[in-house]
N, C-alpha and C. Protein backbone atom coordinates (compact mmCIF):
# COMPACT_ATOMS: atom_id res chain seq x y z
N MET A 1 7.03 4.68 -3.70
CA MET A 1 8.01 5.73 -3.41
C MET A 1 8.43 5.69 -1.96
N SER A 2 7.49 5.39 -1.03
CA SER A 2 7.84 5.38 0.38
C SER A 2 8.85 4.29 0.70
N VAL A 3 8.73 3.12 0.04
CA VAL A 3 9.68 2.05 0.28
C VAL A 3 11.07 2.49 -0.16
N ARG A 4 11.16 3.05 -1.35
CA ARG A 4 12.47 3.50 -1.85
C ARG A 4 13.04 4.59 -0.97
N SER A 5 12.18 5.53 -0.57
CA SER A 5 12.65 6.62 0.28
C SER A 5 13.04 6.10 1.66
N GLY A 6 12.29 5.12 2.16
CA GLY A 6 12.64 4.52 3.45
C GLY A 6 13.98 3.83 3.39
N ILE A 7 14.24 3.11 2.29
CA ILE A 7 15.54 2.47 2.11
C ILE A 7 16.64 3.52 2.07
N LEU A 8 16.40 4.60 1.33
CA LEU A 8 17.39 5.67 1.25
C LEU A 8 17.66 6.27 2.62
N ALA A 9 16.61 6.45 3.42
CA ALA A 9 16.78 7.02 4.76
C ALA A 9 17.61 6.10 5.65
N MET A 10 17.46 4.78 5.45
CA MET A 10 18.26 3.86 6.25
C MET A 10 19.72 3.83 5.78
N VAL A 11 19.94 3.97 4.47
CA VAL A 11 21.31 4.07 3.97
C VAL A 11 21.99 5.31 4.54
N ALA A 12 21.20 6.35 4.78
CA ALA A 12 21.75 7.59 5.34
C ALA A 12 22.35 7.38 6.73
N GLN A 13 21.99 6.27 7.40
CA GLN A 13 22.52 6.01 8.73
C GLN A 13 23.93 5.42 8.68
N GLY A 14 24.37 5.01 7.48
CA GLY A 14 25.71 4.45 7.35
C GLY A 14 25.75 3.43 6.23
N PRO A 15 26.94 3.12 5.69
CA PRO A 15 27.06 2.16 4.60
C PRO A 15 26.43 0.81 4.97
N THR A 16 25.69 0.25 4.03
CA THR A 16 25.00 -1.01 4.29
C THR A 16 24.70 -1.70 2.97
N TYR A 17 24.15 -2.90 3.01
CA TYR A 17 23.86 -3.64 1.78
C TYR A 17 22.44 -4.20 1.83
N GLY A 18 22.04 -4.82 0.71
CA GLY A 18 20.64 -5.17 0.52
C GLY A 18 20.03 -6.07 1.56
N TYR A 19 20.70 -7.15 1.94
CA TYR A 19 20.13 -8.08 2.91
C TYR A 19 19.92 -7.41 4.27
N LEU A 20 20.88 -6.57 4.66
CA LEU A 20 20.72 -5.84 5.92
C LEU A 20 19.57 -4.85 5.84
N LEU A 21 19.42 -4.20 4.69
CA LEU A 21 18.34 -3.23 4.53
C LEU A 21 16.97 -3.91 4.59
N ARG A 22 16.87 -5.10 3.99
CA ARG A 22 15.60 -5.82 4.07
C ARG A 22 15.28 -6.16 5.53
N ALA A 23 16.28 -6.64 6.27
CA ALA A 23 16.07 -6.98 7.68
C ALA A 23 15.71 -5.74 8.48
N GLU A 24 16.35 -4.62 8.18
CA GLU A 24 16.06 -3.38 8.90
C GLU A 24 14.66 -2.88 8.60
N PHE A 25 14.24 -3.01 7.35
CA PHE A 25 12.89 -2.58 6.97
C PHE A 25 11.86 -3.37 7.77
N ASP A 26 12.04 -4.70 7.82
CA ASP A 26 11.10 -5.54 8.57
C ASP A 26 11.15 -5.23 10.06
N ARG A 27 12.35 -5.00 10.58
CA ARG A 27 12.49 -4.74 12.02
C ARG A 27 11.80 -3.43 12.41
N ARG A 28 11.86 -2.45 11.54
CA ARG A 28 11.30 -1.14 11.87
C ARG A 28 9.82 -1.01 11.56
N THR A 29 9.31 -1.83 10.64
CA THR A 29 7.91 -1.70 10.23
C THR A 29 7.08 -2.94 10.50
N GLY A 30 7.71 -4.03 10.94
CA GLY A 30 6.97 -5.27 11.11
C GLY A 30 6.93 -6.03 9.80
N THR A 31 6.11 -7.07 9.75
CA THR A 31 6.06 -7.92 8.57
C THR A 31 4.74 -7.79 7.82
N ALA A 32 4.02 -6.69 8.04
CA ALA A 32 2.75 -6.51 7.34
C ALA A 32 2.97 -6.32 5.85
N TRP A 33 4.05 -5.63 5.49
CA TRP A 33 4.39 -5.38 4.09
C TRP A 33 5.82 -5.85 3.83
N PRO A 34 6.06 -7.14 3.88
CA PRO A 34 7.44 -7.62 3.75
C PRO A 34 8.03 -7.35 2.38
N LEU A 35 9.32 -7.10 2.35
CA LEU A 35 10.05 -6.93 1.10
C LEU A 35 10.87 -8.18 0.84
N ASN A 36 11.08 -8.49 -0.43
CA ASN A 36 12.08 -9.50 -0.73
C ASN A 36 13.36 -8.77 -1.12
N VAL A 37 14.46 -9.47 -1.06
CA VAL A 37 15.74 -8.81 -1.26
C VAL A 37 15.88 -8.28 -2.69
N GLY A 38 15.19 -8.93 -3.64
CA GLY A 38 15.21 -8.42 -5.00
C GLY A 38 14.63 -7.03 -5.10
N GLN A 39 13.53 -6.76 -4.36
CA GLN A 39 12.95 -5.43 -4.35
C GLN A 39 13.93 -4.40 -3.79
N VAL A 40 14.65 -4.81 -2.76
CA VAL A 40 15.60 -3.89 -2.13
C VAL A 40 16.72 -3.54 -3.10
N TYR A 41 17.28 -4.56 -3.76
CA TYR A 41 18.39 -4.29 -4.68
C TYR A 41 17.91 -3.52 -5.92
N LYS A 42 16.68 -3.76 -6.34
CA LYS A 42 16.13 -2.97 -7.44
C LYS A 42 16.02 -1.50 -7.03
N ALA A 43 15.57 -1.26 -5.80
CA ALA A 43 15.49 0.11 -5.29
C ALA A 43 16.88 0.75 -5.23
N LEU A 44 17.86 -0.03 -4.77
CA LEU A 44 19.23 0.48 -4.69
C LEU A 44 19.77 0.83 -6.07
N GLU A 45 19.46 0.00 -7.07
CA GLU A 45 19.90 0.30 -8.43
C GLU A 45 19.30 1.61 -8.92
N THR A 46 18.01 1.81 -8.63
CA THR A 46 17.34 3.04 -9.05
C THR A 46 17.94 4.24 -8.32
N LEU A 47 18.18 4.09 -7.03
CA LEU A 47 18.77 5.18 -6.25
C LEU A 47 20.18 5.51 -6.74
N GLU A 48 20.93 4.47 -7.12
CA GLU A 48 22.27 4.71 -7.65
C GLU A 48 22.19 5.41 -9.00
N ARG A 49 21.29 4.97 -9.85
CA ARG A 49 21.11 5.60 -11.16
C ARG A 49 20.76 7.08 -11.01
N ASP A 50 19.95 7.39 -9.98
CA ASP A 50 19.53 8.78 -9.76
C ASP A 50 20.56 9.59 -8.99
N GLY A 51 21.69 8.98 -8.66
CA GLY A 51 22.75 9.71 -7.97
C GLY A 51 22.51 9.94 -6.50
N LEU A 52 21.61 9.13 -5.89
CA LEU A 52 21.27 9.33 -4.48
C LEU A 52 22.09 8.43 -3.56
N VAL A 53 22.58 7.32 -4.10
CA VAL A 53 23.52 6.46 -3.36
C VAL A 53 24.65 6.09 -4.32
N SER A 54 25.74 5.63 -3.76
CA SER A 54 26.84 5.14 -4.58
C SER A 54 27.42 3.89 -3.92
N LYS A 55 28.05 3.06 -4.73
CA LYS A 55 28.68 1.86 -4.19
C LYS A 55 29.92 2.27 -3.39
N SER A 56 30.04 1.68 -2.23
CA SER A 56 31.19 1.94 -1.37
C SER A 56 32.33 0.99 -1.73
N ASP A 57 33.54 1.34 -1.35
CA ASP A 57 34.67 0.42 -1.51
C ASP A 57 34.60 -0.70 -0.48
N GLN A 58 33.72 -0.56 0.50
CA GLN A 58 33.63 -1.53 1.59
C GLN A 58 32.91 -2.80 1.14
N THR A 59 33.44 -3.94 1.51
CA THR A 59 32.76 -5.23 1.34
C THR A 59 32.97 -6.03 2.63
N ASP A 60 32.21 -7.09 2.77
CA ASP A 60 32.43 -7.94 3.94
C ASP A 60 32.96 -9.29 3.50
N ALA A 61 33.12 -10.21 4.44
CA ALA A 61 33.71 -11.51 4.14
C ALA A 61 32.87 -12.31 3.15
N ALA A 62 31.56 -12.02 3.11
CA ALA A 62 30.67 -12.73 2.19
C ALA A 62 30.62 -12.08 0.82
N GLY A 63 31.33 -10.96 0.66
CA GLY A 63 31.37 -10.29 -0.63
C GLY A 63 30.23 -9.33 -0.89
N HIS A 64 29.47 -8.99 0.14
CA HIS A 64 28.36 -8.05 -0.05
C HIS A 64 28.89 -6.67 -0.42
N VAL A 65 28.27 -6.07 -1.42
CA VAL A 65 28.64 -4.72 -1.83
C VAL A 65 27.84 -3.71 -0.99
N PHE A 66 28.55 -2.79 -0.37
CA PHE A 66 27.90 -1.80 0.47
C PHE A 66 27.56 -0.55 -0.35
N TYR A 67 26.48 0.09 0.07
CA TYR A 67 26.06 1.35 -0.54
C TYR A 67 26.14 2.45 0.51
N GLU A 68 26.45 3.64 0.04
CA GLU A 68 26.46 4.80 0.94
C GLU A 68 25.72 5.95 0.28
N ILE A 69 25.23 6.85 1.11
CA ILE A 69 24.41 7.94 0.60
C ILE A 69 25.29 9.05 0.04
N THR A 70 24.76 9.76 -0.94
CA THR A 70 25.45 10.92 -1.51
C THR A 70 24.83 12.19 -0.93
N ALA A 71 25.44 13.33 -1.26
CA ALA A 71 24.88 14.61 -0.79
C ALA A 71 23.47 14.81 -1.34
N ALA A 72 23.27 14.42 -2.61
CA ALA A 72 21.93 14.53 -3.19
C ALA A 72 20.96 13.60 -2.48
N GLY A 73 21.45 12.43 -2.05
CA GLY A 73 20.61 11.51 -1.30
C GLY A 73 20.20 12.07 0.04
N GLN A 74 21.15 12.71 0.73
CA GLN A 74 20.83 13.35 2.02
C GLN A 74 19.75 14.41 1.84
N ALA A 75 19.86 15.18 0.75
CA ALA A 75 18.84 16.21 0.49
C ALA A 75 17.49 15.57 0.19
N ALA A 76 17.51 14.43 -0.54
CA ALA A 76 16.26 13.75 -0.87
C ALA A 76 15.58 13.21 0.38
N VAL A 77 16.36 12.68 1.32
CA VAL A 77 15.80 12.19 2.58
C VAL A 77 15.15 13.33 3.35
N ALA A 78 15.86 14.47 3.43
CA ALA A 78 15.31 15.63 4.14
C ALA A 78 14.02 16.10 3.48
N ASP A 79 13.98 16.06 2.15
CA ASP A 79 12.77 16.47 1.43
C ASP A 79 11.63 15.51 1.69
N TRP A 80 11.94 14.20 1.71
CA TRP A 80 10.90 13.18 1.96
C TRP A 80 10.31 13.34 3.36
N LEU A 81 11.18 13.53 4.35
CA LEU A 81 10.71 13.65 5.73
C LEU A 81 10.01 14.98 5.97
N GLY A 82 10.36 16.00 5.20
CA GLY A 82 9.81 17.33 5.45
C GLY A 82 8.54 17.65 4.69
N ASN A 83 8.10 16.74 3.80
CA ASN A 83 6.91 17.01 2.99
C ASN A 83 5.90 15.89 3.13
N ALA A 84 4.63 16.24 2.92
CA ALA A 84 3.55 15.26 3.04
C ALA A 84 3.56 14.31 1.86
N GLU A 85 3.11 13.08 2.10
CA GLU A 85 2.94 12.12 1.03
C GLU A 85 1.71 12.50 0.20
N SER A 86 1.81 12.36 -1.10
CA SER A 86 0.69 12.67 -1.98
C SER A 86 -0.38 11.58 -1.88
N SER A 87 -1.63 12.00 -1.76
CA SER A 87 -2.74 11.04 -1.75
C SER A 87 -3.69 11.32 -2.92
N ALA A 88 -3.19 12.08 -3.92
CA ALA A 88 -4.03 12.43 -5.06
C ALA A 88 -4.38 11.22 -5.91
N GLN A 89 -3.49 10.21 -5.93
CA GLN A 89 -3.72 9.00 -6.71
C GLN A 89 -3.81 7.80 -5.77
N PRO A 90 -4.98 7.53 -5.20
CA PRO A 90 -5.10 6.42 -4.25
C PRO A 90 -4.85 5.08 -4.91
N SER A 91 -4.41 4.12 -4.10
CA SER A 91 -4.18 2.78 -4.61
C SER A 91 -5.50 2.14 -5.01
N ARG A 92 -5.43 1.26 -5.97
CA ARG A 92 -6.63 0.55 -6.41
C ARG A 92 -7.15 -0.31 -5.27
N ASN A 93 -8.46 -0.24 -5.03
CA ASN A 93 -9.09 -0.98 -3.94
C ASN A 93 -9.83 -2.18 -4.52
N ASP A 94 -9.28 -3.37 -4.28
CA ASP A 94 -9.86 -4.58 -4.87
C ASP A 94 -11.27 -4.85 -4.36
N VAL A 95 -11.53 -4.55 -3.08
CA VAL A 95 -12.86 -4.79 -2.52
C VAL A 95 -13.88 -3.87 -3.18
N ALA A 96 -13.52 -2.60 -3.35
CA ALA A 96 -14.44 -1.64 -3.98
C ALA A 96 -14.74 -2.06 -5.41
N ILE A 97 -13.72 -2.51 -6.14
CA ILE A 97 -13.92 -2.95 -7.52
C ILE A 97 -14.86 -4.16 -7.56
N LYS A 98 -14.61 -5.12 -6.67
CA LYS A 98 -15.44 -6.33 -6.65
C LYS A 98 -16.89 -6.00 -6.39
N ILE A 99 -17.17 -5.14 -5.41
CA ILE A 99 -18.56 -4.85 -5.05
C ILE A 99 -19.21 -3.97 -6.11
N ALA A 100 -18.45 -3.03 -6.68
CA ALA A 100 -19.01 -2.18 -7.73
C ALA A 100 -19.45 -3.01 -8.93
N ILE A 101 -18.64 -4.00 -9.30
CA ILE A 101 -19.00 -4.84 -10.44
C ILE A 101 -20.11 -5.81 -10.07
N ALA A 102 -20.02 -6.39 -8.85
CA ALA A 102 -21.07 -7.32 -8.41
C ALA A 102 -22.43 -6.64 -8.39
N ALA A 103 -22.46 -5.36 -8.01
CA ALA A 103 -23.73 -4.63 -7.91
C ALA A 103 -24.37 -4.39 -9.27
N THR A 104 -23.59 -4.52 -10.33
CA THR A 104 -24.13 -4.24 -11.66
C THR A 104 -24.31 -5.50 -12.51
N LEU A 105 -24.01 -6.67 -11.94
CA LEU A 105 -24.16 -7.92 -12.68
C LEU A 105 -25.53 -8.53 -12.43
N PRO A 106 -26.16 -9.08 -13.46
CA PRO A 106 -27.48 -9.71 -13.26
C PRO A 106 -27.36 -11.00 -12.47
N GLY A 107 -28.32 -11.24 -11.61
CA GLY A 107 -28.39 -12.50 -10.88
C GLY A 107 -27.44 -12.62 -9.71
N VAL A 108 -26.78 -11.54 -9.31
CA VAL A 108 -25.83 -11.59 -8.20
C VAL A 108 -26.50 -11.06 -6.94
N ASP A 109 -26.38 -11.80 -5.86
CA ASP A 109 -26.87 -11.35 -4.56
C ASP A 109 -25.82 -10.43 -3.95
N VAL A 110 -25.87 -9.16 -4.33
CA VAL A 110 -24.82 -8.24 -3.89
C VAL A 110 -24.86 -8.04 -2.38
N SER A 111 -26.03 -8.17 -1.77
CA SER A 111 -26.12 -8.07 -0.31
C SER A 111 -25.33 -9.20 0.34
N GLY A 112 -25.39 -10.39 -0.26
CA GLY A 112 -24.61 -11.52 0.25
C GLY A 112 -23.12 -11.29 0.08
N VAL A 113 -22.73 -10.69 -1.05
CA VAL A 113 -21.32 -10.38 -1.28
C VAL A 113 -20.82 -9.42 -0.20
N ILE A 114 -21.62 -8.40 0.07
CA ILE A 114 -21.24 -7.41 1.08
C ILE A 114 -21.19 -8.05 2.46
N ARG A 115 -22.17 -8.90 2.77
CA ARG A 115 -22.22 -9.54 4.08
C ARG A 115 -20.99 -10.43 4.30
N THR A 116 -20.62 -11.19 3.27
CA THR A 116 -19.44 -12.05 3.38
C THR A 116 -18.18 -11.22 3.60
N GLN A 117 -18.05 -10.13 2.84
CA GLN A 117 -16.88 -9.27 2.97
C GLN A 117 -16.85 -8.60 4.34
N ARG A 118 -18.01 -8.21 4.84
CA ARG A 118 -18.07 -7.54 6.15
C ARG A 118 -17.66 -8.51 7.26
N GLN A 119 -18.12 -9.76 7.17
CA GLN A 119 -17.74 -10.76 8.18
C GLN A 119 -16.23 -10.97 8.20
N ALA A 120 -15.63 -11.03 7.00
CA ALA A 120 -14.18 -11.18 6.92
C ALA A 120 -13.48 -9.94 7.48
N ALA A 121 -14.02 -8.77 7.18
CA ALA A 121 -13.42 -7.52 7.66
C ALA A 121 -13.49 -7.43 9.19
N ILE A 122 -14.60 -7.89 9.76
CA ILE A 122 -14.74 -7.88 11.22
C ILE A 122 -13.73 -8.82 11.86
N ARG A 123 -13.56 -10.02 11.28
CA ARG A 123 -12.56 -10.95 11.83
C ARG A 123 -11.16 -10.35 11.77
N HIS A 124 -10.83 -9.72 10.65
CA HIS A 124 -9.53 -9.08 10.49
C HIS A 124 -9.37 -7.96 11.51
N LEU A 125 -10.41 -7.17 11.70
CA LEU A 125 -10.37 -6.07 12.66
C LEU A 125 -10.15 -6.58 14.07
N GLN A 126 -10.80 -7.67 14.42
CA GLN A 126 -10.63 -8.24 15.76
C GLN A 126 -9.20 -8.73 15.98
N GLN A 127 -8.62 -9.37 14.95
CA GLN A 127 -7.23 -9.83 15.06
C GLN A 127 -6.28 -8.65 15.25
N LEU A 128 -6.50 -7.60 14.47
CA LEU A 128 -5.63 -6.42 14.57
C LEU A 128 -5.78 -5.73 15.93
N THR A 129 -7.01 -5.69 16.43
CA THR A 129 -7.25 -5.07 17.72
C THR A 129 -6.50 -5.81 18.82
N ARG A 130 -6.52 -7.14 18.76
CA ARG A 130 -5.78 -7.93 19.74
C ARG A 130 -4.28 -7.67 19.62
N ALA A 131 -3.78 -7.61 18.38
CA ALA A 131 -2.35 -7.38 18.17
C ALA A 131 -1.95 -5.98 18.63
N SER A 132 -2.84 -5.01 18.44
CA SER A 132 -2.52 -3.63 18.80
C SER A 132 -2.47 -3.43 20.30
N SER A 133 -3.30 -4.18 21.03
CA SER A 133 -3.36 -4.01 22.48
C SER A 133 -2.58 -5.07 23.24
N ALA A 134 -1.84 -5.92 22.51
CA ALA A 134 -1.16 -7.04 23.16
C ALA A 134 -0.06 -6.59 24.11
N ALA A 135 0.69 -5.57 23.72
CA ALA A 135 1.83 -5.16 24.54
C ALA A 135 2.16 -3.69 24.27
N VAL A 136 2.72 -3.07 25.28
CA VAL A 136 3.17 -1.68 25.14
C VAL A 136 4.60 -1.71 24.60
N PRO A 137 4.87 -0.99 23.50
CA PRO A 137 6.23 -1.00 22.94
C PRO A 137 7.26 -0.52 23.96
N THR A 138 8.38 -1.20 24.00
CA THR A 138 9.45 -0.82 24.93
C THR A 138 10.73 -0.41 24.20
N THR A 139 10.76 -0.62 22.86
CA THR A 139 11.92 -0.21 22.08
C THR A 139 11.44 0.53 20.84
N GLY A 140 12.37 1.22 20.19
CA GLY A 140 12.01 1.99 19.01
C GLY A 140 11.48 1.14 17.89
N ASP A 141 12.09 -0.03 17.63
CA ASP A 141 11.61 -0.86 16.53
C ASP A 141 10.25 -1.47 16.86
N GLU A 142 9.99 -1.76 18.15
CA GLU A 142 8.66 -2.24 18.53
C GLU A 142 7.62 -1.16 18.31
N LEU A 143 7.98 0.09 18.59
CA LEU A 143 7.06 1.20 18.34
C LEU A 143 6.77 1.33 16.86
N GLY A 144 7.82 1.18 16.02
CA GLY A 144 7.60 1.26 14.58
C GLY A 144 6.62 0.21 14.10
N ARG A 145 6.78 -1.02 14.57
CA ARG A 145 5.85 -2.09 14.18
C ARG A 145 4.43 -1.78 14.68
N GLN A 146 4.35 -1.22 15.89
CA GLN A 146 3.04 -0.90 16.45
C GLN A 146 2.33 0.16 15.61
N LEU A 147 3.09 1.14 15.13
CA LEU A 147 2.50 2.20 14.30
C LEU A 147 1.95 1.63 13.00
N VAL A 148 2.65 0.65 12.42
CA VAL A 148 2.16 0.02 11.20
C VAL A 148 0.89 -0.76 11.49
N ILE A 149 0.87 -1.51 12.59
CA ILE A 149 -0.35 -2.25 12.96
C ILE A 149 -1.51 -1.28 13.15
N ASP A 150 -1.24 -0.15 13.81
CA ASP A 150 -2.30 0.83 14.03
C ASP A 150 -2.84 1.37 12.71
N ALA A 151 -1.95 1.62 11.75
CA ALA A 151 -2.39 2.12 10.45
C ALA A 151 -3.30 1.12 9.76
N ILE A 152 -2.93 -0.16 9.81
CA ILE A 152 -3.76 -1.21 9.20
C ILE A 152 -5.08 -1.34 9.95
N LEU A 153 -5.02 -1.18 11.28
CA LEU A 153 -6.23 -1.25 12.10
C LEU A 153 -7.22 -0.15 11.71
N PHE A 154 -6.72 1.06 11.52
CA PHE A 154 -7.59 2.15 11.11
C PHE A 154 -8.19 1.89 9.74
N ASP A 155 -7.40 1.32 8.82
CA ASP A 155 -7.92 0.98 7.50
C ASP A 155 -9.02 -0.07 7.61
N ALA A 156 -8.82 -1.05 8.50
CA ALA A 156 -9.83 -2.10 8.68
C ALA A 156 -11.13 -1.52 9.24
N GLU A 157 -11.01 -0.59 10.18
CA GLU A 157 -12.20 0.07 10.72
C GLU A 157 -12.94 0.84 9.63
N THR A 158 -12.16 1.50 8.77
CA THR A 158 -12.75 2.25 7.68
C THR A 158 -13.47 1.33 6.70
N GLU A 159 -12.88 0.14 6.43
CA GLU A 159 -13.52 -0.79 5.51
C GLU A 159 -14.87 -1.25 6.04
N VAL A 160 -14.97 -1.53 7.34
CA VAL A 160 -16.25 -1.95 7.91
C VAL A 160 -17.28 -0.82 7.78
N ARG A 161 -16.89 0.40 8.09
CA ARG A 161 -17.80 1.55 7.96
C ARG A 161 -18.23 1.72 6.52
N TRP A 162 -17.27 1.57 5.59
CA TRP A 162 -17.59 1.73 4.17
C TRP A 162 -18.57 0.67 3.71
N LEU A 163 -18.38 -0.58 4.15
CA LEU A 163 -19.29 -1.66 3.76
C LEU A 163 -20.70 -1.40 4.28
N ASP A 164 -20.82 -0.87 5.49
CA ASP A 164 -22.14 -0.50 6.02
C ASP A 164 -22.77 0.59 5.17
N HIS A 165 -21.94 1.56 4.75
CA HIS A 165 -22.43 2.64 3.89
C HIS A 165 -22.89 2.10 2.54
N VAL A 166 -22.13 1.17 1.96
CA VAL A 166 -22.48 0.57 0.67
C VAL A 166 -23.81 -0.17 0.78
N ALA A 167 -23.96 -0.96 1.84
CA ALA A 167 -25.21 -1.70 2.03
C ALA A 167 -26.40 -0.75 2.10
N ALA A 168 -26.24 0.36 2.83
CA ALA A 168 -27.33 1.33 2.95
C ALA A 168 -27.60 2.00 1.61
N ARG A 169 -26.56 2.31 0.87
CA ARG A 169 -26.74 2.98 -0.43
C ARG A 169 -27.45 2.06 -1.43
N ILE A 170 -27.08 0.79 -1.45
CA ILE A 170 -27.72 -0.15 -2.37
C ILE A 170 -29.18 -0.39 -1.98
N ALA A 171 -29.43 -0.47 -0.67
CA ALA A 171 -30.82 -0.64 -0.22
C ALA A 171 -31.66 0.57 -0.62
N ALA A 172 -31.10 1.77 -0.50
CA ALA A 172 -31.83 2.98 -0.89
C ALA A 172 -32.10 2.99 -2.39
N ALA A 173 -31.11 2.53 -3.17
CA ALA A 173 -31.29 2.49 -4.62
C ALA A 173 -32.40 1.51 -4.99
N ALA A 174 -32.46 0.37 -4.29
CA ALA A 174 -33.51 -0.62 -4.55
C ALA A 174 -34.88 -0.06 -4.20
N ARG A 175 -34.95 0.65 -3.08
CA ARG A 175 -36.24 1.24 -2.69
C ARG A 175 -36.70 2.29 -3.70
N ALA A 176 -35.75 2.96 -4.32
CA ALA A 176 -36.10 3.98 -5.30
C ALA A 176 -36.41 3.39 -6.67
N GLY A 177 -36.31 2.06 -6.79
CA GLY A 177 -36.63 1.41 -8.05
C GLY A 177 -35.52 1.46 -9.08
N LEU A 178 -34.31 1.74 -8.65
CA LEU A 178 -33.19 1.82 -9.59
C LEU A 178 -32.83 0.42 -10.09
N THR A 179 -32.70 0.28 -11.39
CA THR A 179 -32.28 -0.99 -11.99
C THR A 179 -30.76 -1.09 -11.89
N LEU A 180 -30.28 -2.07 -11.12
CA LEU A 180 -28.84 -2.17 -10.90
C LEU A 180 -28.12 -2.91 -12.02
N ASP A 181 -28.82 -3.85 -12.71
CA ASP A 181 -28.16 -4.62 -13.75
C ASP A 181 -27.72 -3.71 -14.88
N VAL A 182 -26.45 -3.83 -15.25
CA VAL A 182 -25.89 -3.02 -16.34
C VAL A 182 -25.45 -3.98 -17.44
N PRO A 183 -26.14 -3.99 -18.59
CA PRO A 183 -25.75 -4.90 -19.68
C PRO A 183 -24.44 -4.45 -20.32
N LEU A 184 -23.75 -5.41 -20.93
CA LEU A 184 -22.52 -5.07 -21.65
C LEU A 184 -22.85 -4.15 -22.82
N ASP A 185 -22.01 -3.17 -23.03
CA ASP A 185 -22.15 -2.25 -24.16
C ASP A 185 -21.22 -2.74 -25.26
N SER A 186 -21.80 -3.16 -26.38
CA SER A 186 -21.00 -3.72 -27.47
C SER A 186 -20.44 -2.65 -28.41
N THR A 187 -20.72 -1.38 -28.10
CA THR A 187 -20.19 -0.30 -28.94
C THR A 187 -18.67 -0.26 -28.83
N PRO A 188 -17.95 -0.29 -29.95
CA PRO A 188 -16.49 -0.23 -29.86
C PRO A 188 -16.04 1.02 -29.12
N PRO A 189 -15.20 0.87 -28.11
CA PRO A 189 -14.76 2.05 -27.36
C PRO A 189 -13.78 2.89 -28.16
N ARG A 190 -13.73 4.18 -27.83
CA ARG A 190 -12.73 5.05 -28.43
C ARG A 190 -11.36 4.70 -27.89
N ARG A 191 -10.36 5.04 -28.65
CA ARG A 191 -9.00 4.84 -28.15
C ARG A 191 -8.73 5.79 -27.00
N GLY A 192 -7.87 5.36 -26.09
CA GLY A 192 -7.53 6.22 -24.95
C GLY A 192 -8.47 5.98 -23.80
N ARG A 193 -8.23 6.70 -22.73
CA ARG A 193 -9.03 6.56 -21.53
C ARG A 193 -10.34 7.31 -21.67
N PRO A 194 -11.42 6.83 -21.03
CA PRO A 194 -12.69 7.52 -21.11
C PRO A 194 -12.58 8.94 -20.57
N ALA A 195 -13.40 9.82 -21.11
CA ALA A 195 -13.40 11.20 -20.65
C ALA A 195 -13.72 11.27 -19.18
N GLY A 196 -13.00 12.13 -18.46
CA GLY A 196 -13.26 12.32 -17.04
C GLY A 196 -12.69 11.25 -16.15
N SER A 197 -11.88 10.35 -16.73
CA SER A 197 -11.34 9.27 -15.91
C SER A 197 -10.12 9.68 -15.13
N GLY A 198 -9.57 10.85 -15.44
CA GLY A 198 -8.43 11.35 -14.68
C GLY A 198 -7.13 10.80 -15.21
N ARG A 199 -6.08 11.03 -14.45
CA ARG A 199 -4.74 10.62 -14.86
C ARG A 199 -4.55 9.12 -14.70
N THR A 200 -3.58 8.60 -15.43
CA THR A 200 -3.23 7.19 -15.29
C THR A 200 -2.63 6.95 -13.92
N THR A 201 -3.12 5.93 -13.24
CA THR A 201 -2.60 5.61 -11.92
C THR A 201 -1.41 4.69 -12.05
N LYS A 202 -0.70 4.54 -10.94
CA LYS A 202 0.43 3.63 -10.90
C LYS A 202 0.00 2.22 -11.24
N ASP A 203 -1.17 1.82 -10.74
CA ASP A 203 -1.66 0.46 -11.02
C ASP A 203 -1.93 0.28 -12.50
N ASP A 204 -2.50 1.35 -13.17
CA ASP A 204 -2.77 1.25 -14.59
C ASP A 204 -1.48 1.03 -15.36
N ALA A 205 -0.43 1.73 -14.95
CA ALA A 205 0.84 1.63 -15.65
C ALA A 205 1.43 0.23 -15.53
N ASN A 206 1.06 -0.48 -14.45
CA ASN A 206 1.61 -1.81 -14.23
C ASN A 206 0.76 -2.91 -14.84
N ASP A 207 -0.44 -2.57 -15.35
CA ASP A 207 -1.34 -3.60 -15.93
C ASP A 207 -0.80 -4.09 -17.27
């Protein structure tokens, strides 16, 4: 949703087209989460369908079709900027899934899995720290890229802390004599999601 809303907010600055929007997205946020032009045009199609943008009569020499914002689109941008992003449905965490499953498989050195992941996380954190402190932003787009780097840096710091917490939790479970190996359950599952699993996430819908 943030990508689509960000594209809409940039269209609000004036008529533009997909290739320019992709370049603007990268210029303002850096290349940590690059978009391809297909994603941009798909977002524009959705925004047009929802009545938030419309095709302009303007074209350029290359035949690019320009989009412009509608009154409903202006209201949607104001709503996006004026309200907090929902964090009720967090993104699926591949590292957490890997370690959770590794911890329950027989014959797996889960401590080694955690150690390998932590070493990689530390290297990533060091790279981000160097990038974050490399230069003081002097323009607005440089500041935007810096803010994205900082967000990723904070996530990397959190991953290292979480891995330390996981190692301590598994060690405590071992000391308490907890059997970590979980055998496969051959009982046919009921239809639908397990009880207490919560709402379907965006990732589930895409599986």
